[in-house]
Amino acid sequence: ATPPQEPAAPTPPRGAALGRMSVASVGRTSSGRCRRSLVRRASQVAPRMSFAHRDFENPEAETCWLSCLFQSLWHSVIFHTAFEEHLTSSKFVACSEERILQALQQTWEEYKVQGDDVGASMTQKAELPEGHERLVSSDELVEAFGEGYGDMSEALAMMVEELSQSENHRAQLVAEQIVLVPLTMIDDVFPTPDHAWKLVEEWGAGKTPLLAVDLSLPRPSKEGSKCLAELWAPRCDPAAVEARESTLRAPSDMGPDHRLVSLVCFMHSTQHYVAFCRRQSDLTKCVFFNDLPSLTSGAQKVLKWTEVPEMCGRFNLTPRLALYEAASGTAAAAREPGSGEPLS
């Protein structure tokens, strides 16, 4: 029998290449010293403490792509730490041309304040009367990225491209730490994290702190969505996680050092994005974000990663983008207890 073919390995774009892949900064690789700077700063956030989180409003049913992008970035320890230290409005005044950064700053503050005010922990959140949770507005993001429906991967590319053009050195540094890895399928063979890592190694980007795998696939069946999710959702063995945490090193999901932060899925029937974001307080679990909850009625808010494939099959949630971060960037944080925000 002929062995299945692996997905094609596209050539990494260089510099400000046109199209979605213009964000893939392989041509702008920073020095090892710069990479270590972000990883070192991210290690100041305790891995057992999760970031406070909120849900977004979506009154026109067309901003899910932006809310999922924000949730993914917010829940990345490396991006979160870098943004807090260098790019919040109190640390850096973005110029008028930096509309996306301005929108991120304003949304960041609103998201953060609401998380603090309403109660960040899952216990506090559960005590709120149904329908009384304060939702985060996506107006600022819509104004910056453009009205109407859009593609999340392209939004990520737009964000990093703007950061790379900033006069602020730290903004440029953040942009250089994200590589977008495009994957497709050939002859009905689903791509896997191993395929993505092979491509990353060919590009010489294995030490990049943040890797965003862009899955451009044809519309699958419910069973196909489940099978694809089984390939991309972490296979979290609680005993293995505990053993790895005892050595101050979080388990990896891709390559030797990268851990999944979020798995963004797409509902083809309704053209809608949802996201599963990892809990830092329990690496075996994730939080499900859907700004149109009626589309996934009965879905759990917090679930184990091992339960994600079944849920993807049930609602036909097709993995669309997987965001990974270097686990070494958060490992040393266990030595800094109390530096995180309330548990989620």
C-alpha atoms as a PDB file:
ATOM      1  CA  ALA A   1       0.000   0.000   0.000  1.00  0.00           C
ATOM      2  CA  THR A   2       1.178   3.499  -0.744  1.00  0.00           C
ATOM      3  CA  PRO A   3       1.958   5.367   2.484  1.00  0.00           C
ATOM      4  CA  PRO A   4      -0.087   8.555   3.070  1.00  0.00           C
ATOM      5  CA  GLN A   5       1.525  11.752   1.919  1.00  0.00           C
ATOM      6  CA  GLU A   6       2.423  14.422   4.399  1.00  0.00           C
ATOM      7  CA  PRO A   7       1.045  17.945   4.062  1.00  0.00           C
ATOM      8  CA  ALA A   8       3.057  20.169   1.780  1.00  0.00           C
ATOM      9  CA  ALA A   9       5.711  22.301   3.432  1.00  0.00           C
ATOM     10  CA  PRO A  10       5.282  25.857   2.168  1.00  0.00           C
ATOM     11  CA  THR A  11       8.284  28.125   1.992  1.00  0.00           C
ATOM     12  CA  PRO A  12       8.272  30.610   4.859  1.00  0.00           C
ATOM     13  CA  PRO A  13       7.620  34.151   3.667  1.00  0.00           C
ATOM     14  CA  ARG A  14      10.303  36.748   4.242  1.00  0.00           C
ATOM     15  CA  GLY A  15       9.858  40.230   5.555  1.00  0.00           C
ATOM     16  CA  ALA A  16       6.571  41.935   4.760  1.00  0.00           C
ATOM     17  CA  ALA A  17       5.320  39.353   2.299  1.00  0.00           C
ATOM     18  CA  LEU A  18       1.812  39.804   0.954  1.00  0.00           C
ATOM     19  CA  GLY A  19      -1.139  37.785   2.124  1.00  0.00           C
ATOM     20  CA  ARG A  20      -2.068  35.987   5.303  1.00  0.00           C
ATOM     21  CA  MET A  21       1.430  34.692   5.940  1.00  0.00           C
ATOM     22  CA  SER A  22       2.980  38.157   6.144  1.00  0.00           C
ATOM     23  CA  VAL A  23       2.986  37.669   9.900  1.00  0.00           C
ATOM     24  CA  ALA A  24       5.291  34.675   9.822  1.00  0.00           C
ATOM     25  CA  SER A  25       8.398  36.423  11.024  1.00  0.00           C
ATOM     26  CA  VAL A  26      10.888  33.753  10.059  1.00  0.00           C
ATOM     27  CA  GLY A  27      12.654  36.317   7.934  1.00  0.00           C
ATOM     28  CA  ARG A  28      12.849  38.663  10.903  1.00  0.00           C
ATOM     29  CA  THR A  29      14.188  36.207  13.461  1.00  0.00           C
ATOM     30  CA  SER A  30      15.403  37.993  16.538  1.00  0.00           C
ATOM     31  CA  SER A  31      18.549  37.210  18.430  1.00  0.00           C
ATOM     32  CA  GLY A  32      18.614  34.503  21.058  1.00  0.00           C
ATOM     33  CA  ARG A  33      19.039  37.229  23.657  1.00  0.00           C
ATOM     34  CA  CYS A  34      15.736  38.845  22.631  1.00  0.00           C
ATOM     35  CA  ARG A  35      13.920  35.541  22.697  1.00  0.00           C
ATOM     36  CA  ARG A  36      15.279  34.763  26.143  1.00  0.00           C
ATOM     37  CA  SER A  37      14.116  38.195  27.319  1.00  0.00           C
ATOM     38  CA  LEU A  38      10.465  37.378  26.642  1.00  0.00           C
ATOM     39  CA  VAL A  39      10.775  33.872  28.042  1.00  0.00           C
ATOM     40  CA  ARG A  40      12.489  35.147  31.190  1.00  0.00           C
ATOM     41  CA  ARG A  41       9.811  37.773  31.818  1.00  0.00           C
ATOM     42  CA  ALA A  42       7.013  35.300  31.199  1.00  0.00           C
ATOM     43  CA  SER A  43       8.520  33.025  33.818  1.00  0.00           C
ATOM     44  CA  GLN A  44       7.516  35.568  36.470  1.00  0.00           C
ATOM     45  CA  VAL A  45       3.877  34.435  36.174  1.00  0.00           C
ATOM     46  CA  ALA A  46       3.058  31.380  38.252  1.00  0.00           C
ATOM     47  CA  PRO A  47       1.980  28.438  36.072  1.00  0.00           C
ATOM     48  CA  ARG A  48      -0.508  27.273  38.691  1.00  0.00           C
ATOM     49  CA  MET A  49      -2.356  30.603  38.541  1.00  0.00           C
ATOM     50  CA  SER A  50      -4.722  31.368  35.670  1.00  0.00           C
ATOM     51  CA  PHE A  51      -5.560  34.760  34.252  1.00  0.00           C
ATOM     52  CA  ALA A  52      -8.941  36.244  35.079  1.00  0.00           C
ATOM     53  CA  HIS A  53     -11.251  35.822  32.113  1.00  0.00           C
ATOM     54  CA  ARG A  54     -14.507  37.263  30.765  1.00  0.00           C
ATOM     55  CA  ASP A  55     -16.855  36.632  27.869  1.00  0.00           C
ATOM     56  CA  PHE A  56     -17.441  38.982  24.943  1.00  0.00           C
ATOM     57  CA  GLU A  57     -20.681  40.380  23.623  1.00  0.00           C
ATOM     58  CA  ASN A  58     -21.537  39.775  19.967  1.00  0.00           C
ATOM     59  CA  PRO A  59     -24.827  41.588  19.218  1.00  0.00           C
ATOM     60  CA  GLU A  60     -24.445  41.472  15.424  1.00  0.00           C
ATOM     61  CA  ALA A  61     -23.157  37.860  15.364  1.00  0.00           C
ATOM     62  CA  GLU A  62     -20.077  38.861  13.400  1.00  0.00           C
ATOM     63  CA  THR A  63     -17.238  39.544  15.852  1.00  0.00           C
ATOM     64  CA  CYS A  64     -16.417  36.005  17.044  1.00  0.00           C
ATOM     65  CA  TRP A  65     -13.165  36.037  15.052  1.00  0.00           C
ATOM     66  CA  LEU A  66     -11.940  39.004  17.094  1.00  0.00           C
ATOM     67  CA  SER A  67     -13.063  37.743  20.496  1.00  0.00           C
ATOM     68  CA  CYS A  68     -11.370  34.376  19.883  1.00  0.00           C
ATOM     69  CA  LEU A  69      -8.173  36.143  18.827  1.00  0.00           C
ATOM     70  CA  PHE A  70      -8.206  38.223  21.996  1.00  0.00           C
ATOM     71  CA  GLN A  71      -8.982  35.248  24.255  1.00  0.00           C
ATOM     72  CA  SER A  72      -6.079  33.316  22.753  1.00  0.00           C
ATOM     73  CA  LEU A  73      -3.610  36.152  23.272  1.00  0.00           C
ATOM     74  CA  TRP A  74      -4.899  36.922  26.768  1.00  0.00           C
ATOM     75  CA  HIS A  75      -4.430  33.320  27.896  1.00  0.00           C
ATOM     76  CA  SER A  76      -0.865  33.047  26.588  1.00  0.00           C
ATOM     77  CA  VAL A  77       1.488  33.541  29.533  1.00  0.00           C
ATOM     78  CA  ILE A  78       4.229  34.828  27.230  1.00  0.00           C
ATOM     79  CA  PHE A  79       2.078  37.311  25.299  1.00  0.00           C
ATOM     80  CA  HIS A  80       0.157  38.370  28.405  1.00  0.00           C
ATOM     81  CA  THR A  81       3.330  39.100  30.341  1.00  0.00           C
ATOM     82  CA  ALA A  82       4.965  40.990  27.471  1.00  0.00           C
ATOM     83  CA  PHE A  83       1.843  43.080  26.862  1.00  0.00           C
ATOM     84  CA  GLU A  84       1.433  43.911  30.554  1.00  0.00           C
ATOM     85  CA  GLU A  85       5.058  44.947  30.917  1.00  0.00           C
ATOM     86  CA  HIS A  86       5.508  46.938  27.721  1.00  0.00           C
ATOM     87  CA  LEU A  87       2.390  47.581  25.653  1.00  0.00           C
ATOM     88  CA  THR A  88      -0.469  48.593  27.942  1.00  0.00           C
ATOM     89  CA  SER A  89      -1.656  52.189  27.586  1.00  0.00           C
ATOM     90  CA  SER A  90       0.115  53.135  30.823  1.00  0.00           C
ATOM     91  CA  LYS A  91       3.437  51.855  29.463  1.00  0.00           C
ATOM     92  CA  PHE A  92       3.239  52.962  25.828  1.00  0.00           C
ATOM     93  CA  VAL A  93       1.228  55.590  23.955  1.00  0.00           C
ATOM     94  CA  ALA A  94       0.431  54.183  20.518  1.00  0.00           C
ATOM     95  CA  CYS A  95       0.456  56.628  17.625  1.00  0.00           C
ATOM     96  CA  SER A  96      -2.669  57.355  15.580  1.00  0.00           C
ATOM     97  CA  GLU A  97      -1.613  54.896  12.855  1.00  0.00           C
ATOM     98  CA  GLU A  98      -1.411  52.035  15.344  1.00  0.00           C
ATOM     99  CA  ARG A  99      -5.149  51.448  15.455  1.00  0.00           C
ATOM    100  CA  ILE A 100      -4.951  47.743  16.226  1.00  0.00           C
ATOM    101  CA  LEU A 101      -2.586  48.297  19.141  1.00  0.00           C
ATOM    102  CA  GLN A 102      -4.830  51.068  20.468  1.00  0.00           C
ATOM    103  CA  ALA A 103      -7.823  48.744  20.248  1.00  0.00           C
ATOM    104  CA  LEU A 104      -5.914  45.983  22.026  1.00  0.00           C
ATOM    105  CA  GLN A 105      -4.918  48.401  24.778  1.00  0.00           C
ATOM    106  CA  GLN A 106      -8.481  49.618  25.355  1.00  0.00           C
ATOM    107  CA  THR A 107     -10.008  46.151  25.191  1.00  0.00           C
ATOM    108  CA  TRP A 108      -7.247  44.828  27.456  1.00  0.00           C
ATOM    109  CA  GLU A 109      -8.095  47.392  30.121  1.00  0.00           C
ATOM    110  CA  GLU A 110     -11.835  46.749  29.911  1.00  0.00           C
ATOM    111  CA  TYR A 111     -11.348  43.000  30.028  1.00  0.00           C
ATOM    112  CA  LYS A 112      -8.967  43.275  32.960  1.00  0.00           C
ATOM    113  CA  VAL A 113     -11.126  45.680  34.974  1.00  0.00           C
ATOM    114  CA  GLN A 114     -14.254  43.615  34.482  1.00  0.00           C
ATOM    115  CA  GLY A 115     -12.401  40.482  35.486  1.00  0.00           C
ATOM    116  CA  ASP A 116     -11.309  42.190  38.698  1.00  0.00           C
ATOM    117  CA  ASP A 117     -14.681  43.811  39.452  1.00  0.00           C
ATOM    118  CA  VAL A 118     -17.022  40.959  38.714  1.00  0.00           C
ATOM    119  CA  GLY A 119     -14.879  38.269  40.321  1.00  0.00           C
ATOM    120  CA  ALA A 120     -12.270  36.365  38.389  1.00  0.00           C
ATOM    121  CA  SER A 121     -12.537  32.955  39.954  1.00  0.00           C
ATOM    122  CA  MET A 122     -14.855  30.297  38.635  1.00  0.00           C
ATOM    123  CA  THR A 123     -16.447  30.059  42.089  1.00  0.00           C
ATOM    124  CA  GLN A 124     -17.286  33.752  42.200  1.00  0.00           C
ATOM    125  CA  LYS A 125     -18.515  33.652  38.622  1.00  0.00           C
ATOM    126  CA  ALA A 126     -20.834  30.770  39.392  1.00  0.00           C
ATOM    127  CA  GLU A 127     -22.461  32.834  42.142  1.00  0.00           C
ATOM    128  CA  LEU A 128     -23.580  35.534  39.705  1.00  0.00           C
ATOM    129  CA  PRO A 129     -27.258  35.398  38.665  1.00  0.00           C
ATOM    130  CA  GLU A 130     -27.731  34.003  35.178  1.00  0.00           C
ATOM    131  CA  GLY A 131     -27.607  36.757  32.572  1.00  0.00           C
ATOM    132  CA  HIS A 132     -25.972  39.239  34.966  1.00  0.00           C
ATOM    133  CA  GLU A 133     -22.382  38.769  33.888  1.00  0.00           C
ATOM    134  CA  ARG A 134     -20.854  41.871  32.367  1.00  0.00           C
ATOM    135  CA  LEU A 135     -19.742  41.135  28.819  1.00  0.00           C
ATOM    136  CA  VAL A 136     -16.713  42.775  27.239  1.00  0.00           C
ATOM    137  CA  SER A 137     -17.389  45.022  24.261  1.00  0.00           C
ATOM    138  CA  SER A 138     -15.685  44.259  20.946  1.00  0.00           C
ATOM    139  CA  ASP A 139     -16.374  47.742  19.525  1.00  0.00           C
ATOM    140  CA  GLU A 140     -12.767  48.896  19.719  1.00  0.00           C
ATOM    141  CA  LEU A 141     -11.499  45.779  17.970  1.00  0.00           C
ATOM    142  CA  VAL A 142     -14.146  46.102  15.237  1.00  0.00           C
ATOM    143  CA  GLU A 143     -13.155  49.704  14.605  1.00  0.00           C
ATOM    144  CA  ALA A 144      -9.506  48.734  14.256  1.00  0.00           C
ATOM    145  CA  PHE A 145      -9.833  45.542  12.211  1.00  0.00           C
ATOM    146  CA  GLY A 146     -12.868  46.572  10.177  1.00  0.00           C
ATOM    147  CA  GLU A 147     -16.588  45.914  10.387  1.00  0.00           C
ATOM    148  CA  GLY A 148     -18.201  42.716   9.199  1.00  0.00           C
ATOM    149  CA  TYR A 149     -17.093  39.127   9.338  1.00  0.00           C
ATOM    150  CA  GLY A 150     -13.416  38.263   9.050  1.00  0.00           C
ATOM    151  CA  ASP A 151     -10.810  35.529   9.317  1.00  0.00           C
ATOM    152  CA  MET A 152      -9.021  35.070  12.626  1.00  0.00           C
ATOM    153  CA  SER A 153      -5.711  34.041  11.083  1.00  0.00           C
ATOM    154  CA  GLU A 154      -5.711  37.151   8.925  1.00  0.00           C
ATOM    155  CA  ALA A 155      -6.521  39.250  11.985  1.00  0.00           C
ATOM    156  CA  LEU A 156      -3.514  37.772  13.777  1.00  0.00           C
ATOM    157  CA  ALA A 157      -1.370  38.550  10.740  1.00  0.00           C
ATOM    158  CA  MET A 158      -2.624  42.138  10.688  1.00  0.00           C
ATOM    159  CA  MET A 159      -1.864  42.591  14.368  1.00  0.00           C
ATOM    160  CA  VAL A 160       1.689  41.276  14.157  1.00  0.00           C
ATOM    161  CA  GLU A 161       2.385  43.227  10.973  1.00  0.00           C
ATOM    162  CA  GLU A 162       1.378  46.458  12.699  1.00  0.00           C
ATOM    163  CA  LEU A 163       3.479  45.667  15.761  1.00  0.00           C
ATOM    164  CA  SER A 164       6.467  44.942  13.530  1.00  0.00           C
ATOM    165  CA  GLN A 165       6.149  48.406  11.969  1.00  0.00           C
ATOM    166  CA  SER A 166       5.916  50.209  15.311  1.00  0.00           C
ATOM    167  CA  GLU A 167       8.560  52.704  16.391  1.00  0.00           C
ATOM    168  CA  ASN A 168       8.471  51.024  19.793  1.00  0.00           C
ATOM    169  CA  HIS A 169      11.248  48.450  20.098  1.00  0.00           C
ATOM    170  CA  ARG A 170       9.239  46.292  22.477  1.00  0.00           C
ATOM    171  CA  ALA A 171       6.308  46.137  20.066  1.00  0.00           C
ATOM    172  CA  GLN A 172       8.697  44.999  17.346  1.00  0.00           C
ATOM    173  CA  LEU A 173      10.118  42.389  19.707  1.00  0.00           C
ATOM    174  CA  VAL A 174       6.669  40.959  20.427  1.00  0.00           C
ATOM    175  CA  ALA A 175       5.980  40.753  16.681  1.00  0.00           C
ATOM    176  CA  GLU A 176       9.230  38.878  16.114  1.00  0.00           C
ATOM    177  CA  GLN A 177       8.269  36.249  18.665  1.00  0.00           C
ATOM    178  CA  ILE A 178       5.230  34.980  16.722  1.00  0.00           C
ATOM    179  CA  VAL A 179       5.442  32.671  13.736  1.00  0.00           C
ATOM    180  CA  LEU A 180       2.342  31.608  11.828  1.00  0.00           C
ATOM    181  CA  VAL A 181       2.636  28.062  10.489  1.00  0.00           C
ATOM    182  CA  PRO A 182       0.246  27.273   7.581  1.00  0.00           C
ATOM    183  CA  LEU A 183      -0.888  23.678   7.154  1.00  0.00           C
ATOM    184  CA  THR A 184      -3.217  22.008   4.673  1.00  0.00           C
ATOM    185  CA  MET A 185      -4.161  18.403   3.949  1.00  0.00           C
ATOM    186  CA  ILE A 186      -3.280  16.190   1.004  1.00  0.00           C
ATOM    187  CA  ASP A 187      -5.212  13.141  -0.169  1.00  0.00           C
ATOM    188  CA  ASP A 188      -7.582  13.262   2.802  1.00  0.00           C
ATOM    189  CA  VAL A 189      -4.751  13.083   5.337  1.00  0.00           C
ATOM    190  CA  PHE A 190      -5.272  15.407   8.314  1.00  0.00           C
ATOM    191  CA  PRO A 191      -2.181  17.385   9.392  1.00  0.00           C
ATOM    192  CA  THR A 192      -0.865  16.805  12.901  1.00  0.00           C
ATOM    193  CA  PRO A 193       1.288  18.731  15.401  1.00  0.00           C
ATOM    194  CA  ASP A 194       4.207  16.586  14.222  1.00  0.00           C
ATOM    195  CA  HIS A 195       3.730  17.918  10.683  1.00  0.00           C
ATOM    196  CA  ALA A 196       3.679  21.472  12.033  1.00  0.00           C
ATOM    197  CA  TRP A 197       6.824  20.899  14.070  1.00  0.00           C
ATOM    198  CA  LYS A 198       8.644  19.442  11.081  1.00  0.00           C
ATOM    199  CA  LEU A 199       7.883  22.627   9.171  1.00  0.00           C
ATOM    200  CA  VAL A 200       8.959  24.785  12.116  1.00  0.00           C
ATOM    201  CA  GLU A 201      12.282  22.949  12.256  1.00  0.00           C
ATOM    202  CA  GLU A 202      12.812  23.384   8.516  1.00  0.00           C
ATOM    203  CA  TRP A 203      12.357  27.115   9.036  1.00  0.00           C
ATOM    204  CA  GLY A 204      14.789  27.160  11.960  1.00  0.00           C
ATOM    205  CA  ALA A 205      12.052  28.564  14.200  1.00  0.00           C
ATOM    206  CA  GLY A 206      12.033  25.895  16.882  1.00  0.00           C
ATOM    207  CA  LYS A 207      13.005  28.328  19.627  1.00  0.00           C
ATOM    208  CA  THR A 208      10.322  30.879  18.736  1.00  0.00           C
ATOM    209  CA  PRO A 209       8.234  31.570  21.887  1.00  0.00           C
ATOM    210  CA  LEU A 210       4.834  31.644  20.140  1.00  0.00           C
ATOM    211  CA  LEU A 211       3.760  29.401  17.263  1.00  0.00           C
ATOM    212  CA  ALA A 212       0.323  29.770  15.665  1.00  0.00           C
ATOM    213  CA  VAL A 213      -0.621  26.812  13.462  1.00  0.00           C
ATOM    214  CA  ASP A 214      -3.107  27.900  10.784  1.00  0.00           C
ATOM    215  CA  LEU A 215      -5.197  24.917   9.635  1.00  0.00           C
ATOM    216  CA  SER A 216      -6.738  25.585   6.226  1.00  0.00           C
ATOM    217  CA  LEU A 217      -8.886  22.530   5.617  1.00  0.00           C
ATOM    218  CA  PRO A 218     -12.051  21.697   3.663  1.00  0.00           C
ATOM    219  CA  ARG A 219     -15.282  21.402   5.601  1.00  0.00           C
ATOM    220  CA  PRO A 220     -15.341  18.045   7.406  1.00  0.00           C
ATOM    221  CA  SER A 221     -18.187  15.956   8.775  1.00  0.00           C
ATOM    222  CA  LYS A 222     -18.904  15.835  12.490  1.00  0.00           C
ATOM    223  CA  GLU A 223     -16.830  12.687  12.699  1.00  0.00           C
ATOM    224  CA  GLY A 224     -14.057  14.429  10.792  1.00  0.00           C
ATOM    225  CA  SER A 225     -14.087  17.339  13.248  1.00  0.00           C
ATOM    226  CA  LYS A 226     -13.852  14.874  16.123  1.00  0.00           C
ATOM    227  CA  CYS A 227     -10.940  13.037  14.511  1.00  0.00           C
ATOM    228  CA  LEU A 228      -9.117  16.293  13.814  1.00  0.00           C
ATOM    229  CA  ALA A 229      -9.635  17.458  17.407  1.00  0.00           C
ATOM    230  CA  GLU A 230      -8.227  14.148  18.651  1.00  0.00           C
ATOM    231  CA  LEU A 231      -5.028  14.989  16.776  1.00  0.00           C
ATOM    232  CA  TRP A 232      -4.718  18.551  18.108  1.00  0.00           C
ATOM    233  CA  ALA A 233      -6.171  18.497  21.627  1.00  0.00           C
ATOM    234  CA  PRO A 234      -3.505  17.646  24.233  1.00  0.00           C
ATOM    235  CA  ARG A 235      -3.483  14.077  25.484  1.00  0.00           C
ATOM    236  CA  CYS A 236      -3.210  15.045  29.114  1.00  0.00           C
ATOM    237  CA  ASP A 237      -2.354  12.262  31.501  1.00  0.00           C
ATOM    238  CA  PRO A 238      -2.829  13.784  35.002  1.00  0.00           C
ATOM    239  CA  ALA A 239      -0.043  11.631  36.454  1.00  0.00           C
ATOM    240  CA  ALA A 240       2.366  12.700  33.708  1.00  0.00           C
ATOM    241  CA  VAL A 241       1.423  16.357  34.135  1.00  0.00           C
ATOM    242  CA  GLU A 242       1.997  16.167  37.873  1.00  0.00           C
ATOM    243  CA  ALA A 243       5.349  14.468  37.354  1.00  0.00           C
ATOM    244  CA  ARG A 244       6.482  17.104  34.876  1.00  0.00           C
ATOM    245  CA  GLU A 245       5.261  19.964  37.082  1.00  0.00           C
ATOM    246  CA  SER A 246       7.265  18.551  39.995  1.00  0.00           C
ATOM    247  CA  THR A 247      10.369  19.208  37.933  1.00  0.00           C
ATOM    248  CA  LEU A 248       9.179  22.786  37.224  1.00  0.00           C
ATOM    249  CA  ARG A 249       8.735  21.964  33.559  1.00  0.00           C
ATOM    250  CA  ALA A 250       5.303  21.966  31.941  1.00  0.00           C
ATOM    251  CA  PRO A 251       4.558  19.100  29.523  1.00  0.00           C
ATOM    252  CA  SER A 252       4.919  19.853  25.828  1.00  0.00           C
ATOM    253  CA  ASP A 253       2.292  19.245  23.128  1.00  0.00           C
ATOM    254  CA  MET A 254       4.370  20.025  20.038  1.00  0.00           C
ATOM    255  CA  GLY A 255       8.083  19.505  19.670  1.00  0.00           C
ATOM    256  CA  PRO A 256      10.189  19.277  22.826  1.00  0.00           C
ATOM    257  CA  ASP A 257       9.071  22.511  24.475  1.00  0.00           C
ATOM    258  CA  HIS A 258       5.812  24.004  23.119  1.00  0.00           C
ATOM    259  CA  ARG A 259       2.531  23.738  24.958  1.00  0.00           C
ATOM    260  CA  LEU A 260      -0.943  24.412  23.567  1.00  0.00           C
ATOM    261  CA  VAL A 261      -2.472  27.669  24.777  1.00  0.00           C
ATOM    262  CA  SER A 262      -5.675  27.697  22.750  1.00  0.00           C
ATOM    263  CA  LEU A 263      -7.440  25.671  20.114  1.00  0.00           C
ATOM    264  CA  VAL A 264      -9.741  27.856  18.017  1.00  0.00           C
ATOM    265  CA  CYS A 265     -12.446  25.999  16.118  1.00  0.00           C
ATOM    266  CA  PHE A 266     -14.772  26.986  13.289  1.00  0.00           C
ATOM    267  CA  MET A 267     -18.440  26.102  12.834  1.00  0.00           C
ATOM    268  CA  HIS A 268     -18.881  25.988   9.066  1.00  0.00           C
ATOM    269  CA  SER A 269     -22.676  25.815   9.184  1.00  0.00           C
ATOM    270  CA  THR A 270     -22.949  29.163  10.976  1.00  0.00           C
ATOM    271  CA  GLN A 271     -19.570  30.709  10.040  1.00  0.00           C
ATOM    272  CA  HIS A 272     -18.710  31.044  13.708  1.00  0.00           C
ATOM    273  CA  TYR A 273     -15.499  30.806  15.768  1.00  0.00           C
ATOM    274  CA  VAL A 274     -15.166  29.377  19.282  1.00  0.00           C
ATOM    275  CA  ALA A 275     -12.080  28.807  21.412  1.00  0.00           C
ATOM    276  CA  PHE A 276     -10.783  26.358  23.998  1.00  0.00           C
ATOM    277  CA  CYS A 277      -8.174  28.078  26.200  1.00  0.00           C
ATOM    278  CA  ARG A 278      -5.941  26.217  28.599  1.00  0.00           C
ATOM    279  CA  ARG A 279      -6.254  26.715  32.327  1.00  0.00           C
ATOM    280  CA  GLN A 280      -2.885  27.515  33.880  1.00  0.00           C
ATOM    281  CA  SER A 281      -4.141  26.289  37.242  1.00  0.00           C
ATOM    282  CA  ASP A 282      -4.895  22.829  35.803  1.00  0.00           C
ATOM    283  CA  LEU A 283      -3.104  21.921  32.583  1.00  0.00           C
ATOM    284  CA  THR A 284      -5.453  19.003  31.967  1.00  0.00           C
ATOM    285  CA  LYS A 285      -8.441  21.344  31.559  1.00  0.00           C
ATOM    286  CA  CYS A 286      -9.556  24.214  29.351  1.00  0.00           C
ATOM    287  CA  VAL A 287     -12.180  26.974  29.311  1.00  0.00           C
ATOM    288  CA  PHE A 288     -14.643  27.102  26.413  1.00  0.00           C
ATOM    289  CA  PHE A 289     -15.383  30.541  24.949  1.00  0.00           C
ATOM    290  CA  ASN A 290     -18.345  31.108  22.646  1.00  0.00           C
ATOM    291  CA  ASP A 291     -19.877  34.578  22.299  1.00  0.00           C
ATOM    292  CA  LEU A 292     -23.028  33.037  20.772  1.00  0.00           C
ATOM    293  CA  PRO A 293     -23.704  30.358  23.415  1.00  0.00           C
ATOM    294  CA  SER A 294     -27.055  29.348  21.926  1.00  0.00           C
ATOM    295  CA  LEU A 295     -25.141  27.660  19.083  1.00  0.00           C
ATOM    296  CA  THR A 296     -23.618  25.159  21.528  1.00  0.00           C
ATOM    297  CA  SER A 297     -26.454  24.746  23.984  1.00  0.00           C
ATOM    298  CA  GLY A 298     -25.527  22.452  26.852  1.00  0.00           C
ATOM    299  CA  ALA A 299     -21.777  22.735  26.285  1.00  0.00           C
ATOM    300  CA  GLN A 300     -19.553  22.730  29.346  1.00  0.00           C
ATOM    301  CA  LYS A 301     -17.726  25.944  30.218  1.00  0.00           C
ATOM    302  CA  VAL A 302     -14.780  24.157  31.830  1.00  0.00           C
ATOM    303  CA  LEU A 303     -13.831  20.701  30.609  1.00  0.00           C
ATOM    304  CA  LYS A 304     -10.926  18.311  30.312  1.00  0.00           C
ATOM    305  CA  TRP A 305      -8.865  18.383  27.136  1.00  0.00           C
ATOM    306  CA  THR A 306      -9.731  14.724  26.706  1.00  0.00           C
ATOM    307  CA  GLU A 307     -13.396  15.761  26.433  1.00  0.00           C
ATOM    308  CA  VAL A 308     -12.781  18.301  23.671  1.00  0.00           C
ATOM    309  CA  PRO A 309     -12.857  15.860  20.701  1.00  0.00           C
ATOM    310  CA  GLU A 310     -16.289  14.551  21.670  1.00  0.00           C
ATOM    311  CA  MET A 311     -17.582  18.106  21.983  1.00  0.00           C
ATOM    312  CA  CYS A 312     -16.098  19.027  18.606  1.00  0.00           C
ATOM    313  CA  GLY A 313     -17.859  16.082  17.050  1.00  0.00           C
ATOM    314  CA  ARG A 314     -21.139  16.896  18.753  1.00  0.00           C
ATOM    315  CA  PHE A 315     -21.260  20.491  17.488  1.00  0.00           C
ATOM    316  CA  ASN A 316     -19.044  20.038  14.419  1.00  0.00           C
ATOM    317  CA  LEU A 317     -16.341  22.345  15.735  1.00  0.00           C
ATOM    318  CA  THR A 318     -13.442  22.119  13.283  1.00  0.00           C
ATOM    319  CA  PRO A 319      -9.958  23.014  14.632  1.00  0.00           C
ATOM    320  CA  ARG A 320      -8.857  26.120  12.729  1.00  0.00           C
ATOM    321  CA  LEU A 321      -5.908  27.592  14.645  1.00  0.00           C
ATOM    322  CA  ALA A 322      -3.716  26.201  17.413  1.00  0.00           C
ATOM    323  CA  LEU A 323      -1.609  28.634  19.444  1.00  0.00           C
ATOM    324  CA  TYR A 324       1.439  27.215  21.220  1.00  0.00           C
ATOM    325  CA  GLU A 325       3.942  28.820  23.570  1.00  0.00           C
ATOM    326  CA  ALA A 326       7.343  27.691  24.788  1.00  0.00           C
ATOM    327  CA  ALA A 327       6.807  25.768  28.013  1.00  0.00           C
ATOM    328  CA  SER A 328      10.246  26.850  29.221  1.00  0.00           C
ATOM    329  CA  GLY A 329       8.896  30.389  29.318  1.00  0.00           C
ATOM    330  CA  THR A 330       6.617  29.503  32.216  1.00  0.00           C
ATOM    331  CA  ALA A 331       8.472  26.726  34.049  1.00  0.00           C
ATOM    332  CA  ALA A 332      10.505  28.845  36.468  1.00  0.00           C
ATOM    333  CA  ALA A 333       7.368  30.668  37.558  1.00  0.00           C
ATOM    334  CA  ALA A 334       6.647  28.023  40.167  1.00  0.00           C
ATOM    335  CA  ARG A 335       9.385  29.704  42.183  1.00  0.00           C
ATOM    336  CA  GLU A 336       7.376  32.950  42.222  1.00  0.00           C
ATOM    337  CA  PRO A 337       4.139  32.019  44.044  1.00  0.00           C
ATOM    338  CA  GLY A 338       1.469  34.660  44.314  1.00  0.00           C
ATOM    339  CA  SER A 339       2.452  36.570  41.172  1.00  0.00           C
ATOM    340  CA  GLY A 340      -0.540  35.396  39.164  1.00  0.00           C
ATOM    341  CA  GLU A 341      -4.124  36.564  39.164  1.00  0.00           C
ATOM    342  CA  PRO A 342      -7.068  34.712  40.770  1.00  0.00           C
ATOM    343  CA  LEU A 343      -7.658  31.131  39.711  1.00  0.00           C
ATOM    344  CA  SER A 344      -9.962  30.473  36.774  1.00  0.00           C
END
